[in-house]
Structure formats: C-alpha cells, structure tokens
C-alpha cells in the first residue's frame, strides 16, 4: 500500500514504525522482518480479542509487512509516568505500578479454553543453544506442572499499557494492553519474572518499586521465592537471546 503523505509517526520500535493514518494505526515492519512472524502476530491478536483482553483489532492490507490496527485514543503509561517522575508526584508514580499490577491480574484471570495460543514450553527454546535449552526447559516443565496455567502477556511494562484520554485509569476499562506477540500459556510467575528482568535491565529505581508494589501479588498465587528465582533465570536467558538477535 502507499500512504498519501498525511500519515504521522506515533511509535517506533526495533523492527517496525507505527503511523496514524486516516483514523487507524498502521504498523510498518522492516522489509527484512519475516512475513511469517507478522502472520503469527495477527493470529495472536485474534486469540486475545477472543479472550476479551484487548479490543484492538488487526486488519490485512495489500502489503504483507503492514498491519492496519484500530487506533487507541490515548498515551502510554510510560509517558504519564515520566511526567509524574519529573513533577515528583509520588502518588501518581505509585498509582502507575498499582495499575501494572491490575493489568497482570486482569490477564491472568481470563479463560484459556478454546484459545489457540502456544504454551511457553513449546516456543521458549527457539533459537537457543543446547546448554541454554537444557537449563530452561526443565524449569518451565516443573513450574507448569506445579502451578496453574493461564494467559501470560510476557512483555508487560509501561510502554505496553495505553491510557485512554476518555476514561480515568481508576476504571478497569481506562487502559488497553497492547503488543501481544509474546503471549503464551504458562504459569503467571513467568509474566512477573519477565517484567522483573526488563525493569532490572533499564532502571534499578523502577525495579525496587516493582518489587515493593507489584511482586507481593505473586504470593496470592502460591508462588514461593525459589519458584520466582527460577522463573527469572528462564526469562533472563530468553531475554539475552532476544537482545543478540
């Protein structure tokens, strides 16, 4: 497809740019990004729509490297949190972490029956060497047998929470969780662990607040500290591989 020049860039990632165009968002991937991965992302979004976890729908275009999406009228929680930190609004900062915790609980409470979302055990070792595969798969198997399995976002952070301009964030429907490419069926401990690894990578201060405000929630799921440490190890290995490719 060809844009008419009125498009406006509203997001940029390692593999794609997002444009506002005629009332929709268009995700434009680099030509080198595998088309089958884009197809998988669209399939993932359909399943998430089916689960009732995200209202944003994807539409095909005549270009396999461009996805048309419903536009979320709002801003990322990251933008709001940056303003709150700059203005030293402690209550808003704490509120952002509490919202993150609500988002986790919302996702993990969804029914999984009838959904075609892969289990973490089936994809976690993709591209890993033998040593890393032998390190993480037994952990995933053990925790999957021990703990309940649910939908996990596996990339939950402030950039993937959109705040509506029309509704207050105190309402459950005042935010939209986006970017479900990494979603898998797995014990929720891996979702919390993945975000732990991301915060640890980018901000020690943010990690401390995450540990104080959000992580106590895992105790309600019967997750012990050793289980969480094992899940962090798994997510660290996967994250390291992602950064190298």
Protein backbone atom coordinates (compact mmCIF):
# COMPACT_ATOMS: atom_id res chain seq x y z
CA UNK A 1 0.00 0.00 0.00
CA UNK A 2 1.04 3.64 -0.45
CA UNK A 3 0.41 6.44 2.04
CA UNK A 4 -0.79 9.79 0.66
CA UNK A 5 1.60 11.89 2.76
CA UNK A 6 -0.80 12.66 5.61
CA UNK A 7 0.49 9.87 7.84
CA UNK A 8 2.03 10.82 11.20
CA UNK A 9 4.50 8.63 13.07
CA UNK A 10 3.26 7.78 16.57
CA UNK A 11 5.56 4.94 17.56
CA UNK A 12 8.88 3.37 16.72
CA UNK A 13 10.42 0.04 17.70
CA UNK A 14 13.38 -2.11 16.71
CA UNK A 15 11.51 -3.82 13.87
CA UNK A 16 8.63 -1.50 12.98
CA UNK A 17 7.23 2.02 12.96
CA UNK A 18 3.61 2.90 13.73
CA UNK A 19 1.77 5.63 11.84
CA UNK A 20 -1.54 7.40 12.38
CA UNK A 21 -3.33 7.42 9.05
CA UNK A 22 -6.99 8.18 8.30
CA UNK A 23 -8.13 7.29 11.80
CA UNK A 24 -6.26 3.99 12.09
CA UNK A 25 -2.81 2.92 13.25
CA UNK A 26 -0.55 1.25 10.70
CA UNK A 27 2.37 -0.90 11.84
CA UNK A 28 5.02 -0.89 9.14
CA UNK A 29 7.70 -3.56 9.53
CA UNK A 30 11.17 -3.52 8.07
CA UNK A 31 11.31 -5.47 4.77
CA UNK A 32 13.75 -7.94 6.37
CA UNK A 33 11.30 -8.89 9.14
CA UNK A 34 9.93 -12.39 8.41
CA UNK A 35 6.40 -12.30 7.00
CA UNK A 36 5.50 -15.48 8.87
CA UNK A 37 6.19 -13.71 12.18
CA UNK A 38 3.80 -10.94 11.16
CA UNK A 39 1.19 -13.56 10.31
CA UNK A 40 1.74 -15.13 13.73
CA UNK A 41 1.28 -11.75 15.43
CA UNK A 42 -2.07 -11.29 13.67
CA UNK A 43 -3.17 -14.76 14.77
CA UNK A 44 -2.13 -13.97 18.34
CA UNK A 45 -4.20 -10.79 18.32
CA UNK A 46 -7.28 -12.68 17.14
CA UNK A 47 -6.96 -15.05 20.08
CA UNK A 48 -6.51 -12.17 22.51
CA UNK A 49 -9.60 -10.49 21.07
CA UNK A 50 -11.46 -13.76 21.56
CA UNK A 51 -10.32 -13.90 25.19
CA UNK A 52 -11.66 -10.38 25.76
CA UNK A 53 -8.28 -9.00 26.79
CA UNK A 54 -7.85 -6.32 24.15
CA UNK A 55 -10.39 -4.54 21.91
CA UNK A 56 -7.83 -3.57 19.25
CA UNK A 57 -8.41 -5.48 16.02
CA UNK A 58 -5.93 -6.11 13.21
CA UNK A 59 -6.80 -5.84 9.52
CA UNK A 60 -4.99 -7.14 6.47
CA UNK A 61 -3.57 -4.75 3.89
CA UNK A 62 -2.23 -5.41 0.41
CA UNK A 63 1.29 -5.34 1.87
CA UNK A 64 2.33 -8.36 3.97
CA UNK A 65 4.65 -6.10 6.01
CA UNK A 66 1.95 -3.59 7.00
CA UNK A 67 -0.78 -4.23 9.56
CA UNK A 68 -3.76 -1.91 9.91
CA UNK A 69 -4.99 -1.62 13.51
CA UNK A 70 -7.73 0.10 15.49
CA UNK A 71 -6.34 3.30 16.98
CA UNK A 72 -6.13 3.55 20.77
CA UNK A 73 -7.04 7.12 21.68
CA UNK A 74 -4.60 7.77 24.48
CA UNK A 75 -0.99 7.76 25.63
CA UNK A 76 1.30 5.11 27.05
CA UNK A 77 1.66 4.70 30.79
CA UNK A 78 5.37 5.34 30.18
CA UNK A 79 4.61 8.92 29.08
CA UNK A 80 2.44 9.54 32.13
CA UNK A 81 4.99 8.01 34.49
CA UNK A 82 7.77 10.18 33.05
CA UNK A 83 5.66 13.28 33.72
CA UNK A 84 4.91 12.08 37.24
CA UNK A 85 8.60 11.48 37.96
CA UNK A 86 9.55 14.89 36.55
CA UNK A 87 6.89 16.61 38.69
CA UNK A 88 7.70 14.39 41.71
CA UNK A 89 4.07 13.27 42.05
CA UNK A 90 4.66 10.25 44.25
CA UNK A 91 1.01 9.21 44.43
CA UNK A 92 0.82 9.08 40.62
CA UNK A 93 4.01 7.03 40.43
CA UNK A 94 2.65 4.53 42.93
CA UNK A 95 -0.65 4.53 41.04
CA UNK A 96 1.17 3.56 37.85
CA UNK A 97 2.68 0.49 39.50
CA UNK A 98 -0.68 -0.44 41.00
CA UNK A 99 -2.17 -0.20 37.51
CA UNK A 100 0.53 -2.55 36.26
CA UNK A 101 -0.46 -5.00 38.99
CA UNK A 102 -4.13 -4.75 37.99
CA UNK A 103 -3.20 -5.43 34.39
CA UNK A 104 -1.39 -8.63 35.38
CA UNK A 105 -4.39 -9.85 37.38
CA UNK A 106 -6.78 -8.97 34.57
CA UNK A 107 -4.82 -11.01 32.04
CA UNK A 108 -4.24 -13.99 34.32
CA UNK A 109 -7.94 -14.25 35.19
CA UNK A 110 -9.01 -14.81 31.56
CA UNK A 111 -10.32 -18.21 30.49
CA UNK A 112 -7.96 -20.19 28.26
CA UNK A 113 -10.36 -22.85 26.96
CA UNK A 114 -10.64 -22.86 23.18
CA UNK A 115 -7.77 -20.47 22.59
CA UNK A 116 -5.01 -21.24 20.11
CA UNK A 117 -2.12 -19.67 21.98
CA UNK A 118 1.09 -21.72 22.25
CA UNK A 119 2.42 -22.86 25.59
CA UNK A 120 5.69 -21.35 26.73
CA UNK A 121 7.35 -24.77 26.82
CA UNK A 122 6.75 -25.16 23.07
CA UNK A 123 8.49 -21.96 21.99
CA UNK A 124 10.90 -20.91 24.78
CA UNK A 125 13.91 -22.75 23.34
CA UNK A 126 13.53 -21.39 19.82
CA UNK A 127 16.97 -20.33 18.63
CA UNK A 128 18.71 -21.20 21.89
CA UNK A 129 21.84 -23.30 22.09
CA UNK A 130 21.79 -26.75 23.68
CA UNK A 131 23.19 -25.55 27.01
CA UNK A 132 20.55 -22.84 27.48
CA UNK A 133 17.79 -25.18 26.30
CA UNK A 134 18.77 -27.80 28.87
CA UNK A 135 18.85 -25.08 31.52
CA UNK A 136 15.38 -23.56 30.99
CA UNK A 137 13.07 -26.32 29.72
CA UNK A 138 13.15 -28.41 32.93
CA UNK A 139 12.26 -25.30 34.93
CA UNK A 140 9.34 -24.48 32.64
CA UNK A 141 8.09 -28.07 32.81
CA UNK A 142 8.39 -28.20 36.61
CA UNK A 143 6.59 -24.92 37.24
CA UNK A 144 3.95 -25.67 34.61
CA UNK A 145 3.12 -28.90 36.42
CA UNK A 146 3.16 -27.25 39.86
CA UNK A 147 1.27 -24.00 39.22
CA UNK A 148 -1.89 -23.03 37.40
CA UNK A 149 -1.50 -22.15 33.73
CA UNK A 150 -3.08 -19.04 32.27
CA UNK A 151 -2.56 -16.46 29.56
CA UNK A 152 0.65 -14.52 30.14
CA UNK A 153 1.47 -11.34 28.22
CA UNK A 154 5.23 -11.80 28.70
CA UNK A 155 6.10 -8.22 27.76
CA UNK A 156 4.13 -6.27 30.36
CA UNK A 157 5.62 -2.85 31.03
CA UNK A 158 4.68 0.82 30.89
CA UNK A 159 5.07 1.14 27.10
CA UNK A 160 2.52 -1.61 26.52
CA UNK A 161 -0.22 -0.06 28.64
CA UNK A 162 -2.21 2.61 26.83
CA UNK A 163 -4.21 5.06 28.94
CA UNK A 164 -7.47 6.33 27.50
CA UNK A 165 -7.96 10.06 27.20
CA UNK A 166 -11.67 9.49 27.80
CA UNK A 167 -11.70 7.38 30.98
CA UNK A 168 -9.81 7.66 34.28
CA UNK A 169 -7.19 4.98 34.97
CA UNK A 170 -9.04 4.11 38.17
CA UNK A 171 -11.53 2.29 35.93
CA UNK A 172 -10.66 -1.19 34.63
CA UNK A 173 -11.59 -0.06 31.13
CA UNK A 174 -9.43 3.06 31.42
CA UNK A 175 -6.46 1.29 29.86
CA UNK A 176 -5.67 -1.03 26.98
CA UNK A 177 -2.90 -3.63 26.96
CA UNK A 178 -1.14 -3.78 23.60
CA UNK A 179 1.58 -5.80 21.84
CA UNK A 180 0.58 -9.42 22.44
CA UNK A 181 3.19 -11.06 20.17
CA UNK A 182 4.90 -12.75 23.15
CA UNK A 183 1.69 -14.02 24.78
CA UNK A 184 1.84 -17.66 25.85
CA UNK A 185 0.01 -20.11 28.07
CA UNK A 186 2.16 -20.51 31.18
CA UNK A 187 2.14 -20.10 34.97
CA UNK A 188 1.79 -16.39 35.90
CA UNK A 189 5.15 -16.46 37.67
CA UNK A 190 6.81 -16.17 34.25
CA UNK A 191 4.84 -12.98 33.47
CA UNK A 192 6.00 -11.34 36.69
CA UNK A 193 9.54 -12.61 36.14
CA UNK A 194 9.75 -11.29 32.59
CA UNK A 195 8.82 -7.79 33.75
CA UNK A 196 11.31 -8.09 36.61
CA UNK A 197 14.08 -8.78 34.07
CA UNK A 198 13.02 -5.81 31.93
CA UNK A 199 12.99 -3.39 34.88
CA UNK A 200 16.32 -4.75 36.09
CA UNK A 201 17.75 -4.03 32.66
CA UNK A 202 16.57 -0.42 32.39
CA UNK A 203 16.11 1.08 35.87
CA UNK A 204 17.14 -0.07 39.34
CA UNK A 205 14.80 2.51 40.88
CA UNK A 206 11.86 1.19 38.88
CA UNK A 207 12.79 -2.36 39.84
CA UNK A 208 12.68 -1.50 43.53
CA UNK A 209 9.20 -0.01 43.21
CA UNK A 210 8.09 -3.02 41.19
CA UNK A 211 9.35 -5.33 43.94
CA UNK A 212 7.59 -3.32 46.65
CA UNK A 213 4.24 -2.68 44.94
CA UNK A 214 3.59 -5.41 42.38
CA UNK A 215 5.52 -8.53 43.38
CA UNK A 216 3.60 -9.13 46.64
CA UNK A 217 0.72 -10.19 44.36
CA UNK A 218 2.54 -13.39 43.45
CA UNK A 219 2.16 -14.64 46.99
CA UNK A 220 -1.59 -14.89 46.44
CA UNK A 221 -0.88 -17.35 43.62
CA UNK A 222 1.07 -19.67 45.91
CA UNK A 223 4.39 -18.84 44.27
CA UNK A 224 7.41 -19.18 46.54
CA UNK A 225 10.65 -17.22 46.29
CA UNK A 226 12.58 -20.13 44.79
CA UNK A 227 9.96 -20.58 42.07
CA UNK A 228 10.21 -16.90 41.22
CA UNK A 229 14.01 -17.03 41.15
CA UNK A 230 13.85 -19.97 38.74
CA UNK A 231 11.39 -18.11 36.51
CA UNK A 232 13.69 -15.07 36.48
CA UNK A 233 16.53 -17.32 35.33
CA UNK A 234 14.40 -18.60 32.45
CA UNK A 235 13.34 -15.11 31.41
CA UNK A 236 16.92 -13.81 31.67
CA UNK A 237 18.16 -16.48 29.28
CA UNK A 238 15.39 -15.78 26.76
CA UNK A 239 15.85 -12.03 27.04
CA UNK A 240 19.60 -12.30 26.50
CA UNK A 241 18.99 -14.29 23.32
CA UNK A 242 16.46 -11.71 22.07
CA UNK A 243 18.91 -8.85 22.54
CA UNK A 244 21.54 -10.66 20.50
CA UNK A 245 19.24 -11.11 17.51
